[in-house]
């Protein structure tokens, strides 16, 4: 849990530093790299949730449908909630780059 927090803190700092960049290319690169950091942590958490819900209890190999669905309730880490916003930011950067070309 500590390394996840450090990565999210680092990505937030990179987002803040990218706001003050004078060069537009460096600003976009820093924002996209911070988004990638969020995607790595959030993707690993989503994968662990999905793979953790497959095995059943006791001697079962696969969980029943009710157990499978019940395993998707919270609490979730903040990177899962930040995933849509970071995807929107990267799409905005890509749209702005394509518009200039």
Protein backbone atom coordinates (compact mmCIF):
# COMPACT_ATOMS: atom_id res chain seq x y z
CA UNK A 1 0.00 0.00 0.00
CA UNK A 2 2.87 2.38 0.67
CA UNK A 3 4.26 2.23 -2.85
CA UNK A 4 0.80 2.85 -4.34
CA UNK A 5 0.49 5.98 -2.25
CA UNK A 6 3.95 7.14 -3.26
CA UNK A 7 3.20 6.63 -6.94
CA UNK A 8 -0.11 8.52 -6.67
CA UNK A 9 1.60 11.34 -4.76
CA UNK A 10 4.33 11.49 -7.41
CA UNK A 11 1.81 11.61 -10.23
CA UNK A 12 -0.05 14.43 -8.49
CA UNK A 13 3.20 16.37 -8.13
CA UNK A 14 3.99 15.81 -11.81
CA UNK A 15 0.52 17.11 -12.73
CA UNK A 16 1.15 20.24 -10.66
CA UNK A 17 4.61 20.78 -12.16
CA UNK A 18 3.22 20.35 -15.68
CA UNK A 19 0.89 23.31 -15.16
CA UNK A 20 3.82 25.69 -14.74
CA UNK A 21 5.76 24.58 -17.84
CA UNK A 22 6.25 27.26 -20.48
CA UNK A 23 6.85 24.78 -23.27
CA UNK A 24 3.61 23.16 -24.43
CA UNK A 25 5.29 19.91 -25.46
CA UNK A 26 6.88 19.42 -22.03
CA UNK A 27 3.57 20.25 -20.36
CA UNK A 28 1.72 17.63 -22.40
CA UNK A 29 4.46 15.03 -21.89
CA UNK A 30 4.43 15.47 -18.12
CA UNK A 31 0.64 15.30 -17.94
CA UNK A 32 0.54 12.12 -20.04
CA UNK A 33 3.32 10.47 -18.02
CA UNK A 34 1.47 11.26 -14.78
CA UNK A 35 -1.64 9.69 -16.30
CA UNK A 36 0.35 6.58 -17.16
CA UNK A 37 1.43 6.30 -13.54
CA UNK A 38 -2.21 6.39 -12.46
CA UNK A 39 -3.10 3.79 -15.10
CA UNK A 40 -0.44 1.40 -13.85
CA UNK A 41 -1.62 1.55 -10.24
CA UNK A 42 -5.32 1.56 -11.15
CA UNK A 43 -4.93 -1.22 -13.70
CA UNK A 44 -3.10 -3.43 -11.24
CA UNK A 45 -5.84 -2.85 -8.66
CA UNK A 46 -8.62 -3.64 -11.17
CA UNK A 47 -6.78 -6.79 -12.25
CA UNK A 48 -6.37 -7.92 -8.65
CA UNK A 49 -10.08 -7.33 -7.99
CA UNK A 50 -11.13 -9.33 -11.06
CA UNK A 51 -8.70 -12.19 -10.48
CA UNK A 52 -9.50 -12.29 -6.77
CA UNK A 53 -13.19 -12.77 -7.49
CA UNK A 54 -12.80 -15.85 -9.71
CA UNK A 55 -11.79 -18.60 -7.22
CA UNK A 56 -14.58 -20.03 -5.09
CA UNK A 57 -14.70 -20.80 -1.40
CA UNK A 58 -13.62 -24.11 0.02
CA UNK A 59 -13.10 -26.80 -2.58
CA UNK A 60 -14.69 -24.94 -5.51
CA UNK A 61 -12.54 -23.91 -8.41
CA UNK A 62 -14.80 -21.13 -9.68
CA UNK A 63 -17.04 -18.86 -7.63
CA UNK A 64 -20.79 -18.83 -8.05
CA UNK A 65 -22.40 -15.84 -9.76
CA UNK A 66 -23.56 -14.28 -6.48
CA UNK A 67 -20.15 -14.59 -4.85
CA UNK A 68 -18.50 -13.23 -8.01
CA UNK A 69 -20.71 -10.11 -8.06
CA UNK A 70 -20.49 -9.53 -4.29
CA UNK A 71 -16.70 -9.35 -4.45
CA UNK A 72 -16.90 -6.07 -6.40
CA UNK A 73 -18.06 -3.89 -3.53
CA UNK A 74 -15.71 -1.30 -2.01
CA UNK A 75 -13.55 0.05 -0.60
CA UNK A 76 -11.55 1.08 -3.65
CA UNK A 77 -8.27 2.98 -3.83
CA UNK A 78 -8.29 6.51 -5.30
CA UNK A 79 -6.52 5.52 -8.51
CA UNK A 80 -9.63 3.67 -9.69
CA UNK A 81 -11.65 6.87 -9.35
CA UNK A 82 -8.92 8.88 -11.11
CA UNK A 83 -8.80 6.60 -14.17
CA UNK A 84 -11.66 8.28 -16.11
CA UNK A 85 -10.27 11.76 -15.47
CA UNK A 86 -6.78 10.79 -16.60
CA UNK A 87 -8.18 9.14 -19.73
CA UNK A 88 -10.11 12.34 -20.47
CA UNK A 89 -6.94 14.40 -20.03
CA UNK A 90 -4.95 12.21 -22.43
CA UNK A 91 -7.77 12.33 -24.99
CA UNK A 92 -7.77 16.14 -24.69
CA UNK A 93 -3.99 16.26 -25.25
CA UNK A 94 -4.25 13.95 -28.26
CA UNK A 95 -7.11 15.98 -29.73
CA UNK A 96 -5.17 19.21 -29.27
CA UNK A 97 -2.06 17.68 -30.88
CA UNK A 98 -4.06 16.35 -33.85
CA UNK A 99 -5.73 19.71 -34.33
CA UNK A 100 -2.34 21.48 -34.63
CA UNK A 101 -0.97 19.10 -37.25
